[in-house]
Protein backbone atom coordinates (compact mmCIF):
# COMPACT_ATOMS: atom_id res chain seq x y z
CA UNK A 1 -5.32 196.30 16.56
CA UNK A 2 -3.58 193.30 15.94
CA UNK A 3 -3.57 191.08 19.20
CA UNK A 4 -2.24 187.85 20.24
CA UNK A 5 -4.63 185.87 22.68
CA UNK A 6 -2.26 183.23 24.76
CA UNK A 7 -5.10 180.34 26.12
CA UNK A 8 -7.67 182.25 23.79
CA UNK A 9 -9.08 178.35 22.98
CA UNK A 10 -10.24 178.85 26.61
CA UNK A 11 -13.21 179.11 28.29
CA UNK A 12 -12.86 183.10 28.98
CA UNK A 13 -9.87 183.43 26.37
CA UNK A 14 -12.96 182.52 23.55
CA UNK A 15 -15.35 184.68 25.07
CA UNK A 16 -12.78 187.75 24.79
CA UNK A 17 -12.07 186.43 21.48
CA UNK A 18 -15.43 187.25 20.24
CA UNK A 19 -15.54 190.59 21.90
CA UNK A 20 -12.21 191.59 20.54
CA UNK A 21 -13.48 190.69 17.09
CA UNK A 22 -16.90 192.23 17.37
CA UNK A 23 -14.81 195.85 18.09
CA UNK A 24 -13.04 195.13 15.11
CA UNK A 25 -9.97 194.12 16.16
CA UNK A 26 -7.97 191.42 14.53
CA UNK A 27 -6.66 188.43 16.31
CA UNK A 28 -4.54 185.12 16.64
CA UNK A 29 -4.34 182.43 19.19
CA UNK A 30 -1.89 180.34 20.76
CA UNK A 31 -3.12 177.66 22.60
CA UNK A 32 -1.62 174.28 23.20
CA UNK A 33 -5.36 172.94 23.69
CA UNK A 34 -4.91 171.00 26.92
CA UNK A 35 -7.69 172.61 28.36
CA UNK A 36 -9.08 174.87 25.44
CA UNK A 37 -11.08 173.75 22.33
CA UNK A 38 -10.13 174.52 18.48
CA UNK A 39 -13.99 174.81 18.07
CA UNK A 40 -14.40 177.72 20.27
CA UNK A 41 -11.65 179.83 17.93
CA UNK A 42 -14.10 179.81 14.81
CA UNK A 43 -11.98 180.64 11.63
CA UNK A 44 -9.31 182.81 13.62
CA UNK A 45 -5.77 181.50 12.97
CA UNK A 46 -4.99 179.11 16.10
CA UNK A 47 -1.50 178.26 16.49
CA UNK A 48 -0.89 175.35 18.52
CA UNK A 49 2.08 175.65 20.97
CA UNK A 50 3.31 175.39 24.63
CA UNK A 51 3.97 178.61 26.77
CA UNK A 52 6.95 176.71 28.16
CA UNK A 53 8.56 176.50 24.48
CA UNK A 54 10.54 179.79 24.49
CA UNK A 55 11.60 179.24 20.81
CA UNK A 56 8.22 178.63 19.17
CA UNK A 57 6.81 181.95 20.95
CA UNK A 58 9.93 183.67 19.66
CA UNK A 59 9.21 182.71 16.03
CA UNK A 60 5.66 183.85 16.22
CA UNK A 61 6.58 187.21 17.56
CA UNK A 62 9.20 187.19 14.72
CA UNK A 63 6.77 186.12 12.12
CA UNK A 64 3.47 188.53 13.30
CA UNK A 65 3.78 192.30 14.50
CA UNK A 66 1.06 192.43 17.36
CA UNK A 67 0.05 195.55 18.93
CA UNK A 68 -1.05 193.60 21.84
CA UNK A 69 -0.86 190.14 23.72
CA UNK A 70 -3.85 188.95 26.19
CA UNK A 71 -2.66 186.47 27.99
CA UNK A 72 -5.38 183.73 29.37
CA UNK A 73 -2.66 180.85 29.30
CA UNK A 74 -2.25 179.05 32.73
CA UNK A 75 -3.18 176.43 35.14
CA UNK A 76 -6.20 177.78 37.36
CA UNK A 77 -7.32 175.20 39.92
CA UNK A 78 -6.37 176.39 43.38
CA UNK A 79 -7.09 173.02 45.23
CA UNK A 80 -4.79 171.22 42.37
CA UNK A 81 -2.23 173.78 42.88
CA UNK A 82 -1.51 172.42 46.40
CA UNK A 83 -0.79 169.32 45.34
CA UNK A 84 1.29 169.94 42.19
CA UNK A 85 2.82 173.66 42.63
CA UNK A 86 5.69 172.68 40.64
CA UNK A 87 3.24 172.62 37.65
CA UNK A 88 1.73 175.73 38.48
CA UNK A 89 4.84 177.49 39.32
CA UNK A 90 6.54 176.51 36.04
CA UNK A 91 3.28 177.01 33.70
CA UNK A 92 2.10 180.10 35.20
CA UNK A 93 5.01 182.18 36.01
CA UNK A 94 7.99 180.56 34.33
CA UNK A 95 5.21 180.46 30.63
CA UNK A 96 4.59 184.24 31.71
CA UNK A 97 8.26 185.07 31.54
CA UNK A 98 8.91 183.14 28.46
CA UNK A 99 5.90 185.37 26.79
CA UNK A 100 7.13 188.45 28.14
CA UNK A 101 10.92 188.26 27.05
CA UNK A 102 9.37 187.20 23.22
CA UNK A 103 7.29 190.54 23.45
CA UNK A 104 10.70 192.40 24.92
CA UNK A 105 12.49 191.04 21.98
CA UNK A 106 10.25 192.23 19.33
CA UNK A 107 9.09 195.46 20.98
CA UNK A 108 5.74 194.66 22.07
CA UNK A 109 4.42 196.87 24.68
CA UNK A 110 1.23 196.41 25.63
CA UNK A 111 -0.12 193.56 27.78
CA UNK A 112 -3.76 192.79 29.41
CA UNK A 113 -3.08 189.50 32.08
CA UNK A 114 -5.52 187.24 33.21
CA UNK A 115 -5.17 187.51 37.01
CA UNK A 116 -7.51 186.55 39.55
CA UNK A 117 -9.37 187.16 43.18
CA UNK A 118 -6.92 184.48 44.39
CA UNK A 119 -4.25 187.02 45.07
CA UNK A 120 -5.79 188.69 48.30
CA UNK A 121 -6.13 185.10 50.11
CA UNK A 122 -8.73 185.03 53.19
CA UNK A 123 -10.02 188.53 53.04
CA UNK A 124 -9.68 191.10 55.98
CA UNK A 125 -12.92 192.99 54.94
CA UNK A 126 -15.19 192.73 52.34
CA UNK A 127 -15.75 193.85 49.83
CA UNK A 128 -12.54 193.86 48.50
CA UNK A 129 -10.77 196.52 46.66
CA UNK A 130 -7.82 196.57 44.86
CA UNK A 131 -5.74 197.92 47.55
CA UNK A 132 -6.40 195.26 49.97
CA UNK A 133 -3.26 193.22 51.19
CA UNK A 134 -2.42 190.59 49.01
CA UNK A 135 -1.64 186.98 50.59
CA UNK A 136 -2.47 184.07 48.97
CA UNK A 137 -3.27 180.86 50.42
CA UNK A 138 -2.43 178.70 47.93
CA UNK A 139 0.39 178.34 44.79
CA UNK A 140 -2.27 179.23 42.35
CA UNK A 141 -2.72 182.84 44.15
CA UNK A 142 1.05 182.96 44.36
CA UNK A 143 1.40 182.12 40.92
CA UNK A 144 -0.69 184.89 39.93
CA UNK A 145 0.75 187.69 42.04
CA UNK A 146 4.38 186.36 41.60
CA UNK A 147 3.41 187.20 37.89
CA UNK A 148 1.64 190.36 38.47
CA UNK A 149 5.22 191.66 40.20
CA UNK A 150 7.08 190.29 37.44
CA UNK A 151 4.97 192.35 35.13
CA UNK A 152 5.89 195.51 37.30
CA UNK A 153 9.38 194.92 36.84
CA UNK A 154 9.47 194.63 33.27
CA UNK A 155 7.44 197.55 32.74
CA UNK A 156 10.04 199.42 34.72
CA UNK A 157 12.70 197.94 32.96
CA UNK A 158 11.55 197.60 29.82
CA UNK A 159 8.64 200.19 29.24
CA UNK A 160 5.68 197.30 29.06
CA UNK A 161 2.11 198.80 30.11
CA UNK A 162 -0.24 196.33 31.23
CA UNK A 163 -3.76 195.78 32.77
CA UNK A 164 -4.26 193.07 35.20
CA UNK A 165 -7.73 192.25 35.62
CA UNK A 166 -8.33 190.45 38.81
CA UNK A 167 -11.39 188.40 37.99
CA UNK A 168 -13.58 186.90 40.88
CA UNK A 169 -16.05 183.55 39.60
CA UNK A 170 -16.30 183.90 35.62
CA UNK A 171 -19.61 182.56 35.06
CA UNK A 172 -22.14 182.10 32.26
CA UNK A 173 -21.89 181.51 28.45
CA UNK A 174 -22.36 183.81 25.45
CA UNK A 175 -25.75 184.42 24.83
CA UNK A 176 -25.71 182.48 21.45
CA UNK A 177 -25.08 179.28 23.00
CA UNK A 178 -22.17 178.39 20.67
CA UNK A 179 -19.46 178.82 23.72
CA UNK A 180 -19.34 178.21 26.73
CA UNK A 181 -17.37 176.28 29.69
CA UNK A 182 -15.88 173.11 29.13
CA UNK A 183 -13.26 172.42 31.05
CA UNK A 184 -11.65 168.73 30.79
CA UNK A 185 -11.65 168.74 34.44
CA UNK A 186 -13.91 170.76 36.15
CA UNK A 187 -13.80 172.49 39.51
CA UNK A 188 -16.04 175.41 38.98
CA UNK A 189 -19.22 175.70 41.11
CA UNK A 190 -21.84 176.47 38.67
CA UNK A 191 -21.23 174.01 35.90
CA UNK A 192 -20.41 171.05 38.55
CA UNK A 193 -24.07 172.01 40.04
CA UNK A 194 -25.23 172.32 36.26
CA UNK A 195 -23.97 168.74 35.51
CA UNK A 196 -25.86 167.28 38.65
CA UNK A 197 -28.97 168.86 37.29
CA UNK A 198 -28.01 167.40 33.91
CA UNK A 199 -27.45 163.81 34.80
CA UNK A 200 -28.74 163.27 38.41
CA UNK A 201 -26.07 163.13 39.67
CA UNK A 202 -24.43 164.41 43.18
CA UNK A 203 -23.27 167.51 43.99
CA UNK A 204 -20.52 168.13 46.56
CA UNK A 205 -20.81 170.87 48.90
CA UNK A 206 -17.18 171.64 50.10
CA UNK A 207 -17.57 172.84 53.84
CA UNK A 208 -20.71 173.67 55.70
CA UNK A 209 -19.16 175.43 58.94
CA UNK A 210 -17.91 178.72 57.61
CA UNK A 211 -18.35 181.97 59.38
CA UNK A 212 -20.93 182.75 56.70
CA UNK A 213 -24.63 183.09 56.67
CA UNK A 214 -25.41 179.37 55.97
CA UNK A 215 -22.10 177.72 56.55
CA UNK A 216 -21.18 177.59 52.81
CA UNK A 217 -18.71 179.67 51.36
CA UNK A 218 -19.46 182.84 49.75
CA UNK A 219 -18.52 183.76 45.99
CA UNK A 220 -19.02 186.88 43.34
CA UNK A 221 -19.96 185.73 40.38
CA UNK A 222 -19.38 187.70 37.07
CA UNK A 223 -20.74 186.84 33.47
CA UNK A 224 -17.48 185.54 31.13
CA UNK A 225 -19.33 188.10 28.83
CA UNK A 226 -18.96 190.78 31.08
CA UNK A 227 -15.45 190.02 31.83
CA UNK A 228 -14.87 189.82 28.12
CA UNK A 229 -15.88 193.32 27.67
CA UNK A 230 -13.87 194.69 30.40
CA UNK A 231 -10.72 193.19 28.49
CA UNK A 232 -11.72 195.20 25.47
CA UNK A 233 -12.46 197.99 27.46
CA UNK A 234 -8.86 197.95 29.03
CA UNK A 235 -7.20 198.73 25.57
CA UNK A 236 -8.09 202.18 26.17
CA UNK A 237 -6.12 203.01 28.83
CA UNK A 238 -2.76 200.52 27.62
CA UNK A 239 0.53 202.70 27.00
CA UNK A 240 3.60 201.76 26.99
CA UNK A 241 5.09 201.69 30.34
CA UNK A 242 1.47 202.20 32.27
CA UNK A 243 -0.02 199.86 34.56
CA UNK A 244 -3.48 199.71 35.94
CA UNK A 245 -4.77 196.73 38.10
CA UNK A 246 -8.69 196.00 38.05
CA UNK A 247 -11.03 193.71 40.03
CA UNK A 248 -13.79 192.31 37.93
CA UNK A 249 -16.98 191.27 40.06
CA UNK A 250 -20.55 191.80 40.41
CA UNK A 251 -20.41 193.12 43.90
CA UNK A 252 -22.79 190.60 45.26
CA UNK A 253 -21.89 187.35 47.24
CA UNK A 254 -23.85 184.04 46.85
CA UNK A 255 -23.37 181.40 49.29
CA UNK A 256 -23.15 178.13 47.71
CA UNK A 257 -26.18 177.17 48.73
CA UNK A 258 -28.11 180.25 47.20
CA UNK A 259 -26.15 179.07 43.91
CA UNK A 260 -27.87 175.54 44.43
CA UNK A 261 -31.31 176.76 44.80
CA UNK A 262 -30.85 179.65 42.03
CA UNK A 263 -30.25 176.17 39.72
CA UNK A 264 -32.93 174.27 40.70
CA UNK A 265 -35.03 177.26 39.84
CA UNK A 266 -33.62 177.77 36.40
CA UNK A 267 -33.41 173.83 35.52
CA UNK A 268 -36.72 172.85 37.26
CA UNK A 269 -34.74 169.74 38.40
CA UNK A 270 -34.15 168.66 41.84
CA UNK A 271 -30.32 168.50 42.63
CA UNK A 272 -28.91 166.16 45.05
CA UNK A 273 -26.40 167.02 47.18
CA UNK A 274 -23.94 165.91 49.52
CA UNK A 275 -21.31 167.65 52.10
CA UNK A 276 -17.51 167.45 51.94
CA UNK A 277 -14.30 168.71 53.60
CA UNK A 278 -13.37 172.37 52.64
CA UNK A 279 -11.04 172.19 49.83
CA UNK A 280 -7.46 173.17 50.65
CA UNK A 281 -6.48 177.10 49.28
CA UNK A 282 -10.51 177.88 49.37
CA UNK A 283 -11.59 181.31 51.34
CA UNK A 284 -14.65 181.46 53.14
CA UNK A 285 -15.40 184.61 51.21
CA UNK A 286 -15.10 186.74 48.12
CA UNK A 287 -16.72 189.50 47.17
CA UNK A 288 -15.27 192.10 44.67
CA UNK A 289 -15.59 196.53 44.75
CA UNK A 290 -15.46 197.14 41.24
CA UNK A 291 -15.55 200.51 41.75
CA UNK A 292 -12.03 201.74 40.23
CA UNK A 293 -12.89 200.17 36.65
CA UNK A 294 -16.48 201.46 36.74
CA UNK A 295 -15.20 204.94 37.61
CA UNK A 296 -12.27 204.89 35.11
CA UNK A 297 -13.53 202.76 32.14
CA UNK A 298 -16.88 203.38 32.34
CA UNK A 299 -17.51 199.50 32.94
CA UNK A 300 -20.54 198.01 34.82
CA UNK A 301 -21.54 194.42 34.86
CA UNK A 302 -24.92 193.79 32.28
CA UNK A 303 -25.56 190.30 33.94
CA UNK A 304 -26.10 191.05 37.75
CA UNK A 305 -28.48 188.94 38.48
CA UNK A 306 -27.25 185.25 39.26
CA UNK A 307 -29.93 183.88 37.84
CA UNK A 308 -29.29 185.36 34.10
CA UNK A 309 -25.88 184.06 34.41
CA UNK A 310 -27.29 180.52 35.60
CA UNK A 311 -29.47 180.18 32.75
CA UNK A 312 -26.83 181.42 30.31
CA UNK A 313 -24.67 178.69 31.64
CA UNK A 314 -27.62 176.14 31.63
CA UNK A 315 -28.34 176.86 27.90
CA UNK A 316 -24.77 175.88 27.04
CA UNK A 317 -24.53 172.60 29.39
CA UNK A 318 -27.90 171.29 28.16
CA UNK A 319 -27.28 171.70 24.57
CA UNK A 320 -23.63 170.66 25.11
CA UNK A 321 -24.01 167.78 27.36
CA UNK A 322 -20.24 166.92 26.00
CA UNK A 323 -18.79 170.33 25.77
CA UNK A 324 -17.56 170.78 22.37
CA UNK A 325 -17.51 166.95 21.64
CA UNK A 326 -20.20 165.89 19.07
CA UNK A 327 -22.94 163.98 20.43
CA UNK A 328 -22.70 160.11 19.86
CA UNK A 329 -24.16 158.94 16.80
CA UNK A 330 -27.76 157.89 17.04
CA UNK A 331 -28.16 154.21 15.90
CA UNK A 332 -30.47 154.34 12.77
CA UNK A 333 -34.18 153.17 13.97
CA UNK A 334 -36.75 151.71 11.17
């Protein structure tokens, strides 16, 4: 297959890109690099462009006969989305519509969509299966759910087949240590904890009075390389007019305090912490049931142990303290 990866220079997209290439597919990356890194794409063709530029997308599809689109491009910070819903709906929904329209014009019938557990909102029960009611608590979650509804409409009207992968908390880094998580504005738990370990700074625990076993929020972490494998596995069930929705998680929830303790063990460093108020749009607990994708595609997380996930992330962060930027040049010494 020849696959277009929108947002393929970002954290998840770049790991999926590696999995796509390793399984013999061809790839092109479309990314505006606002939160991605050209260095993460290696020798793959990188088309720099904005998902809101419908004309650029039209020209790209006219030029290149893609068989499938893997769509990662979008804004991802739940808390920020509460303050800037305009940006989140514009990029995640209008941008996605631009992409779908370009696909329909070019008769491209296959999409794998990077969705989110944020579509569920505050869970009624745990673990969360795909049939759990969807009731997002942030504009980010609503933007993901809205695009899923749009995908279903395009399936019915234009025969676009899709797989929507609802990630829980992506974490970790490729075993090679060559790529990892390097958001320009970091909001994810594990990289923030590891940054505190690396710099000696203080990590803020947002909320300590949730109805959980230690009062801090519970999250289900899934290694980014396991996510990447799920995207490639999804190609097996993609057909024009088909639809599949899968959760991607480990099935085990860890509190924020438990993550901090694992990070202390992995890094052998003390991590200073302070408590802040809960962030708007953050549910108290999210734990996945991934039984459907396990049953239908045989997918299981290879990195089931949180310590292994944190260890791979630490390997990336300690060797790339500035992300993909080169370290400052050292002054010559005598």
